[in-house]
Amino acid sequence: MRSRLGTLRNRVADLLRGVPSDAAARSAERVKAEIGTLDAAREALKLQRREVPTHVRVAELGEDEMLDALPSGERLLLDVIRMIAYRAETRMMPAVAAAQGVRQRPRRPLAELFRSEADIVPEPESGILRVRILGTASNAGDAAIAGLLDELNRTGTVFPGTGLRMVYELSENGAEPGEDAS
């Protein structure tokens, strides 16, 4: 409503600029009447909004309006998962920071890595589970993440239940996930 009022006020100013013609003056009067109507409606809405309580006690809420709180066991599990994820991210930061330099923020490329798409290609004949990650938006981000991927590859992690060693790599030549990078 506020933007509509601003638009109408600008229109009146445009119509009355200079020496207005009779038609422009009549049109401006109609727009001014519309502005008056909208102003009155706006004031009525303001009064209505002032009557709405800003604080509501839980006891005043109806059964259907009550907030559903997570049971403490589920909340604890979510908190534990968040802590583990934060610690894992913190442990990955030195590998990214070393490639980035001192003045950069290592959490940014990590966040981009966590949101990026990847292909998971099992190669049972060679005992490898290849994780091909679509690169970041910049070459600097790719370079920072490449250091982390090298460190992860040195761990020789075996994917549980498969016996396949995980090998992480950035997809080359901008290949999209699902395409062959070679």
Foldseek 3Di string as FASTA:
>chain_A
DVVVLVVLVVQLCVLPPDPHDPVSVVVSVVSVVVSVVVVVVVVVVVVVVVPDDPDDDQVPDDPVPHDDDDDPVVVVVVVVVVVVVVVVLVVLQVQLPVLQDDPDDSVVLVVQQVPWDWEFDDDVVVLATETETAFGPDPSSRRSVVSSQVVQLVVQDHDPPRSHTYHYYYQPPRDDHVDHSD
